[in-house]
Amino acid sequence: MLRDLLRGDDQARAAAQVVSHVAPDILVLQGVDYDAELRTLTALREVIGTVGWRFPHVFALPPNTGVQTGLDMNGDGRLGGPADAQGYGRFRGADGMAILSKWPIILSEVQDHSDLLWRALPRADLPKRDGTPFPSEAAQASQRLSSVGHWVVPIAHPDGVVTIMAFAAGPPVFDGPEDRNGLRNADEIRFWQVYLGGEFGAPPKSRFVIAGNANLDPDNGEGRRDAIADLIRDPSLQDPLRDAGPTVDWPEPTPGDLRVSYVLPSADWTVENAGVFWPREGARDHDLLVYDETAASRHRLVWVDIGF
């Protein structure tokens, strides 16, 4: 990704146009390659800046993507493939998460739950085949819950701390009858309710936002849809986009356009407005979705305006 950004990448330019148009104060991104010095993220920040919107602060942690285990994690009988990493990835750091912010990140208070073992999640629902752990007991003893990561990131807004809870769940498909990916996706989403219930220490009591790609629609598509339905109905949260429709432009008829990305403020926020940036062809601002005929992303930007 850094190589493409330095060459001048049309997709990054298209995404930058969308970001600049919507003008968020805090931006949670998916699919950003990670490197230890955050050169890739900084280069992307600069691309966004060239079209008029600047973020003084950037943040990312190492994702689980591409972290090889030395084990057969998907049960295909082979080792060393992208699916044998802690999170699917062809190289370490591929397709990670990132946060860009107008205000400083309180680094000393960041929590990273990305190394939590799946089996350590209370009431974890682990895959089995013929009554035995799938793909193996050794794999389950090594498997982390997070496909990419689960972060709790406090940001120093002038009126008080804003805590961003960021995640990117793996897709609940591309597996067999044991439903390994479906079960993991559901538990990645359920993590937040476990966390908010205080089972991993004291969670923020107020002013937080869960933001990320759950890869799951509460009403349509494959997967254990009750997992995301339960999260968005949690009384500690509010769902300002309940009736906003899909957030991703996938091929029809399958999987089709689905709601998979979420911004869920805690119940104590005042929600002033919310939407999905998806102007249809012929509509005002539709041209912002493309740059030199290159789409910004299949996923559309989900935004929520909130106030203290």
Protein backbone atom coordinates (compact mmCIF):
# COMPACT_ATOMS: atom_id res chain seq x y z
CA MET A 1 0.00 0.00 0.00
CA LEU A 2 2.84 2.39 0.79
CA ARG A 3 4.39 1.65 -2.60
CA ASP A 4 1.10 2.47 -4.32
CA LEU A 5 0.60 5.66 -2.32
CA LEU A 6 4.09 6.91 -3.18
CA ARG A 7 3.47 6.21 -6.87
CA GLY A 8 0.20 8.15 -6.78
CA ASP A 9 -2.78 5.87 -6.26
CA ASP A 10 -6.14 6.68 -7.85
CA GLN A 11 -8.13 4.70 -5.30
CA ALA A 12 -6.49 6.55 -2.41
CA ARG A 13 -7.23 9.85 -4.16
CA ALA A 14 -10.88 8.86 -4.57
CA ALA A 15 -11.12 7.85 -0.91
CA ALA A 16 -9.48 11.14 0.08
CA GLN A 17 -12.12 13.07 -1.87
CA VAL A 18 -14.88 11.31 0.06
CA VAL A 19 -13.19 11.92 3.42
CA SER A 20 -12.59 15.58 2.64
CA HIS A 21 -16.19 16.02 1.54
CA VAL A 22 -17.68 14.44 4.67
CA ALA A 23 -15.01 16.14 6.85
CA PRO A 24 -14.99 13.93 9.98
CA ASP A 25 -13.13 14.97 13.11
CA ILE A 26 -12.32 11.33 13.93
CA LEU A 27 -11.96 8.72 11.19
CA VAL A 28 -11.72 4.95 11.70
CA LEU A 29 -10.30 3.16 8.65
CA GLN A 30 -10.18 -0.49 7.62
CA GLY A 31 -7.85 -2.21 5.17
CA VAL A 32 -4.78 -0.01 5.81
CA ASP A 33 -1.48 -1.91 5.74
CA TYR A 34 0.46 -1.54 8.98
CA ASP A 35 4.15 -0.77 9.38
CA ALA A 36 5.98 -0.03 12.61
CA GLU A 37 6.78 3.59 11.76
CA LEU A 38 3.26 4.28 10.40
CA ARG A 39 4.71 5.43 7.10
CA THR A 40 1.77 4.02 5.16
CA LEU A 41 -0.81 5.69 7.37
CA THR A 42 1.11 8.97 7.32
CA ALA A 43 1.30 8.85 3.52
CA LEU A 44 -2.45 8.26 3.33
CA ARG A 45 -3.00 11.16 5.73
CA GLU A 46 -0.98 13.36 3.39
CA VAL A 47 -3.08 12.29 0.38
CA ILE A 48 -6.21 13.29 2.28
CA GLY A 49 -4.56 16.58 3.17
CA THR A 50 -3.91 17.42 -0.48
CA VAL A 51 -7.65 17.54 -1.12
CA GLY A 52 -8.40 19.80 1.80
CA TRP A 53 -8.92 17.87 5.05
CA ARG A 54 -6.15 17.45 7.60
CA PHE A 55 -5.73 15.16 10.58
CA PRO A 56 -2.92 16.19 12.96
CA HIS A 57 -2.94 12.83 14.74
CA VAL A 58 -2.69 9.25 13.44
CA PHE A 59 -2.87 5.97 15.33
CA ALA A 60 -2.49 2.28 14.55
CA LEU A 61 -1.44 -0.91 16.30
CA PRO A 62 -0.09 -4.14 14.80
CA PRO A 63 -3.03 -6.20 13.49
CA ASN A 64 -3.42 -9.96 13.74
CA THR A 65 -3.54 -10.21 9.96
CA GLY A 66 -0.68 -12.19 8.50
CA VAL A 67 0.77 -13.23 11.89
CA GLN A 68 1.68 -16.82 11.13
CA THR A 69 1.01 -19.52 13.73
CA GLY A 70 2.92 -22.48 12.31
CA LEU A 71 -0.33 -24.45 12.56
CA ASP A 72 -3.12 -25.48 10.22
CA MET A 73 -5.74 -22.97 11.34
CA ASN A 74 -8.39 -23.62 8.68
CA GLY A 75 -8.25 -27.39 8.45
CA ASP A 76 -7.12 -27.64 4.83
CA GLY A 77 -4.14 -29.86 5.67
CA ARG A 78 -1.55 -27.29 4.63
CA LEU A 79 0.65 -24.85 6.54
CA GLY A 80 1.80 -21.29 5.95
CA GLY A 81 -1.14 -19.99 3.90
CA PRO A 82 -2.92 -16.68 4.51
CA ALA A 83 -5.66 -18.49 6.45
CA ASP A 84 -3.09 -20.06 8.79
CA ALA A 85 -2.29 -16.67 10.28
CA GLN A 86 -4.06 -15.28 13.35
CA GLY A 87 -6.07 -13.20 10.90
CA TYR A 88 -6.24 -13.79 7.16
CA GLY A 89 -3.33 -12.01 5.51
CA ARG A 90 -0.73 -12.64 2.83
CA PHE A 91 1.87 -10.74 4.84
CA ARG A 92 2.20 -9.47 8.39
CA GLY A 93 0.36 -6.17 8.80
CA ALA A 94 -1.85 -6.55 5.72
CA ASP A 95 -5.26 -4.84 5.83
CA GLY A 96 -5.04 -3.44 9.32
CA MET A 97 -7.03 -0.71 11.07
CA ALA A 98 -6.17 2.93 11.68
CA ILE A 99 -7.56 6.04 13.37
CA LEU A 100 -7.03 9.60 12.18
CA SER A 101 -8.03 12.36 14.56
CA LYS A 102 -8.28 16.10 14.87
CA TRP A 103 -7.39 15.75 18.57
CA PRO A 104 -4.58 13.90 20.38
CA ILE A 105 -4.83 10.20 21.24
CA ILE A 106 -4.22 9.49 24.93
CA LEU A 107 -1.62 6.80 24.28
CA SER A 108 -1.07 5.91 27.93
CA GLU A 109 -4.70 4.80 28.28
CA VAL A 110 -5.08 2.79 25.06
CA GLN A 111 -6.26 -0.79 25.55
CA ASP A 112 -5.42 -3.44 22.95
CA HIS A 113 -7.40 -6.66 23.31
CA SER A 114 -6.17 -8.12 20.03
CA ASP A 115 -4.14 -10.89 21.67
CA LEU A 116 -7.11 -12.30 23.60
CA LEU A 117 -7.45 -16.00 22.82
CA TRP A 118 -10.80 -16.92 21.32
CA ARG A 119 -11.28 -19.67 23.90
CA ALA A 120 -10.67 -17.11 26.70
CA LEU A 121 -13.75 -15.07 25.74
CA PRO A 122 -16.44 -15.88 28.30
CA ARG A 123 -19.01 -18.25 26.78
CA ALA A 124 -16.96 -18.61 23.60
CA ASP A 125 -18.62 -20.73 20.92
CA LEU A 126 -15.75 -22.70 19.34
CA PRO A 127 -16.09 -24.87 16.23
CA LYS A 128 -16.26 -28.64 16.39
CA ARG A 129 -16.30 -31.47 13.88
CA ASP A 130 -17.54 -34.88 14.95
CA GLY A 131 -17.50 -33.66 18.53
CA THR A 132 -13.81 -32.67 18.57
CA PRO A 133 -12.20 -29.21 18.39
CA PHE A 134 -11.85 -27.96 14.82
CA PRO A 135 -9.37 -27.81 13.22
CA SER A 136 -7.42 -29.15 16.23
CA GLU A 137 -6.92 -28.67 19.95
CA ALA A 138 -3.52 -27.09 19.23
CA ALA A 139 -5.07 -24.59 16.81
CA GLN A 140 -7.74 -23.56 19.30
CA ALA A 141 -5.10 -23.18 22.01
CA SER A 142 -3.31 -20.67 19.76
CA GLN A 143 -6.21 -18.91 17.99
CA ARG A 144 -6.79 -15.29 18.93
CA LEU A 145 -10.33 -13.95 18.81
CA SER A 146 -9.60 -10.84 16.73
CA SER A 147 -9.26 -11.25 12.98
CA VAL A 148 -7.68 -7.79 12.91
CA GLY A 149 -8.00 -6.19 16.34
CA HIS A 150 -10.15 -4.87 19.16
CA TRP A 151 -8.95 -1.48 20.39
CA VAL A 152 -10.14 0.95 23.05
CA VAL A 153 -8.69 4.35 22.15
CA PRO A 154 -9.33 7.48 24.27
CA ILE A 155 -9.12 10.80 22.43
CA ALA A 156 -8.62 14.14 24.17
CA HIS A 157 -11.49 16.27 22.88
CA PRO A 158 -11.50 19.80 24.38
CA ASP A 159 -14.86 19.13 26.07
CA GLY A 160 -13.92 15.74 27.47
CA VAL A 161 -12.52 12.33 26.59
CA VAL A 162 -14.06 10.51 23.63
CA THR A 163 -13.34 6.77 23.63
CA ILE A 164 -13.31 4.97 20.28
CA MET A 165 -13.80 1.19 20.35
CA ALA A 166 -12.56 0.00 16.97
CA PHE A 167 -12.72 -3.45 15.42
CA ALA A 168 -12.87 -5.33 12.13
CA ALA A 169 -14.49 -8.76 12.27
CA GLY A 170 -13.69 -11.48 9.77
CA PRO A 171 -16.34 -12.55 7.25
CA PRO A 172 -18.71 -15.31 8.41
CA VAL A 173 -18.21 -17.30 5.18
CA PHE A 174 -15.48 -19.23 3.30
CA ASP A 175 -15.60 -22.24 5.65
CA GLY A 176 -17.32 -25.62 5.98
CA PRO A 177 -20.14 -27.19 8.00
CA GLU A 178 -18.23 -26.57 11.24
CA ASP A 179 -18.92 -22.82 10.64
CA ARG A 180 -15.56 -21.73 12.03
CA ASN A 181 -15.70 -18.29 10.42
CA GLY A 182 -19.35 -17.74 11.30
CA LEU A 183 -18.75 -18.60 14.95
CA ARG A 184 -15.65 -16.42 15.16
CA ASN A 185 -17.37 -13.46 13.49
CA ALA A 186 -20.22 -13.69 16.01
CA ASP A 187 -17.86 -13.83 18.98
CA GLU A 188 -15.77 -10.93 17.62
CA ILE A 189 -18.94 -8.84 17.66
CA ARG A 190 -20.11 -10.19 21.04
CA PHE A 191 -16.75 -9.18 22.55
CA TRP A 192 -18.02 -5.63 22.98
CA GLN A 193 -20.98 -6.65 25.11
CA VAL A 194 -18.68 -8.80 27.24
CA TYR A 195 -16.28 -5.85 27.55
CA LEU A 196 -19.05 -3.39 28.41
CA GLY A 197 -20.27 -5.86 31.04
CA GLY A 198 -16.99 -5.39 32.91
CA GLU A 199 -15.51 -8.86 32.32
CA PHE A 200 -12.18 -7.39 31.16
CA GLY A 201 -11.84 -4.67 33.76
CA ALA A 202 -13.67 -1.37 34.09
CA PRO A 203 -15.01 -0.13 30.72
CA PRO A 204 -15.60 3.57 30.01
CA LYS A 205 -18.70 4.71 31.84
CA SER A 206 -19.65 7.35 29.28
CA ARG A 207 -18.89 9.05 25.96
CA PHE A 208 -17.74 6.11 23.86
CA VAL A 209 -18.37 5.00 20.29
CA ILE A 210 -18.09 1.50 18.82
CA ALA A 211 -16.94 1.82 15.20
CA GLY A 212 -15.93 -0.78 12.67
CA ASN A 213 -16.75 -3.40 10.09
CA ALA A 214 -18.76 -6.22 11.62
CA ASN A 215 -19.06 -8.01 8.26
CA LEU A 216 -22.59 -8.91 9.32
CA ASP A 217 -26.07 -7.58 8.52
CA PRO A 218 -28.79 -7.96 11.18
CA ASP A 219 -31.45 -8.84 8.62
CA ASN A 220 -29.89 -10.25 5.45
CA GLY A 221 -26.98 -12.33 4.17
CA GLU A 222 -25.03 -15.16 5.72
CA GLY A 223 -23.75 -15.37 9.26
CA ARG A 224 -25.15 -15.49 12.76
CA ARG A 225 -27.17 -12.32 12.43
CA ASP A 226 -28.36 -12.30 16.04
CA ALA A 227 -24.82 -11.30 17.08
CA ILE A 228 -25.00 -7.85 15.48
CA ALA A 229 -28.71 -7.49 16.21
CA ASP A 230 -28.00 -8.02 19.92
CA LEU A 231 -25.17 -5.47 19.87
CA ILE A 232 -27.14 -2.68 18.22
CA ARG A 233 -30.03 -3.29 20.65
CA ASP A 234 -27.77 -3.09 23.70
CA PRO A 235 -29.25 -0.46 26.07
CA SER A 236 -25.85 1.17 26.59
CA LEU A 237 -25.71 2.04 22.87
CA GLN A 238 -27.79 3.81 20.26
CA ASP A 239 -28.09 3.01 16.58
CA PRO A 240 -28.67 6.27 14.66
CA LEU A 241 -28.59 4.45 11.29
CA ARG A 242 -31.14 1.72 11.97
CA ASP A 243 -33.07 2.55 8.79
CA ALA A 244 -30.22 3.87 6.63
CA GLY A 245 -29.85 0.74 4.51
CA PRO A 246 -26.69 -0.99 3.25
CA THR A 247 -23.14 0.22 3.68
CA VAL A 248 -21.34 -1.88 1.05
CA ASP A 249 -21.77 -2.29 -2.70
CA TRP A 250 -21.26 -6.03 -3.27
CA PRO A 251 -22.26 -7.93 -6.43
CA GLU A 252 -25.88 -8.90 -6.94
CA PRO A 253 -27.61 -11.17 -6.20
CA THR A 254 -25.09 -12.71 -3.78
CA PRO A 255 -23.91 -11.42 -1.41
CA GLY A 256 -25.65 -8.21 -2.49
CA ASP A 257 -25.67 -4.84 -0.78
CA LEU A 258 -25.62 -5.32 3.00
CA ARG A 259 -25.24 -3.31 6.16
CA VAL A 260 -21.86 -4.37 7.57
CA SER A 261 -20.21 -1.18 8.92
CA TYR A 262 -21.41 0.48 12.11
CA VAL A 263 -20.93 3.61 14.20
CA LEU A 264 -22.71 3.08 17.52
CA PRO A 265 -22.47 5.94 20.05
CA SER A 266 -23.08 5.28 23.72
CA ALA A 267 -26.53 6.19 24.97
CA ASP A 268 -25.37 9.40 26.67
CA TRP A 269 -24.42 11.18 23.44
CA THR A 270 -26.73 13.62 21.68
CA VAL A 271 -26.96 12.43 18.09
CA GLU A 272 -27.45 15.39 15.79
CA ASN A 273 -27.34 13.65 12.40
CA ALA A 274 -26.13 10.45 10.74
CA GLY A 275 -25.87 8.88 7.32
CA VAL A 276 -24.09 6.67 4.81
CA PHE A 277 -22.26 8.60 2.07
CA TRP A 278 -23.66 6.87 -0.99
CA PRO A 279 -24.94 9.30 -3.65
CA ARG A 280 -26.38 7.20 -6.46
CA GLU A 281 -25.51 7.70 -10.13
CA GLY A 282 -26.90 11.00 -11.34
CA ALA A 283 -27.25 12.36 -7.81
CA ARG A 284 -25.36 15.30 -6.39
CA ASP A 285 -21.83 14.36 -5.27
CA HIS A 286 -21.87 10.97 -7.01
CA ASP A 287 -18.70 11.95 -8.87
CA LEU A 288 -16.85 12.04 -5.55
CA LEU A 289 -17.02 8.24 -5.36
CA VAL A 290 -14.64 7.88 -8.30
CA TYR A 291 -11.38 9.42 -9.45
CA ASP A 292 -10.06 8.64 -12.91
CA GLU A 293 -12.68 5.86 -13.13
CA THR A 294 -11.38 4.18 -9.97
CA ALA A 295 -13.86 3.50 -7.15
CA ALA A 296 -12.95 4.81 -3.71
CA SER A 297 -14.15 1.57 -2.08
CA ARG A 298 -16.91 -1.01 -2.15
CA HIS A 299 -17.57 0.10 1.43
CA ARG A 300 -19.24 3.46 1.94
CA LEU A 301 -18.32 5.97 4.61
CA VAL A 302 -20.65 5.78 7.62
CA TRP A 303 -20.85 8.99 9.63
CA VAL A 304 -22.53 10.22 12.82
CA ASP A 305 -22.56 13.76 14.21
CA ILE A 306 -22.64 13.67 18.00
CA GLY A 307 -22.49 16.36 20.67
CA PHE A 308 -21.78 16.55 24.38
